[in-house]
Amino acid sequence: MTRIAAIISALALLTAGAAQADNKRTNANPIPLDRPAASTPAPRQAQSVRGLDAVMGKDMATLVRMFGQPRLDVVEVQGRKLQFSGRACILDAYLYPEGRNGQEIVIHVDARRSDGAEVDRAQCISALSAR
């Protein structure tokens, strides 16, 4: 019986603490409604790392010419992920509409082996280009 009383007391304390937290949140300064919300996210800076310039800022057609048809083409809400694979590595290229006239261009790349281990991105690009 004592155990049940302890559990009920603990639940009562938790409930009281949650109510105090809710009161603090509702008393916080509200965000003014006359301030317009950002309609689009701020443009991201394209990743610029030595050796990656073969793909950074390039469009899908250029990537297909370099690596062939992508293994995956995942269309996201605001961009696209293309995945290219070869014996040496798997390359994920992330394209977002930040080029001229909103053209999707590569702003980030990831590279890994088939077992998931990370590999040098520039070396992966070179290996996939050479095939």
Foldseek 3Di string as FASTA:
>chain_A
DVVVVVVVVVVVVVVVVVVVVVVVVVPDDDDDPVDDDDPDDDDDAADDDPLCVQATFAAPVSVCVQQNAFPDWAQDPFWIWGWGDDQAKIKIFIWGQPDPPRGTGTRDMFIDHPVRHGDDPSVRSVVSRVD
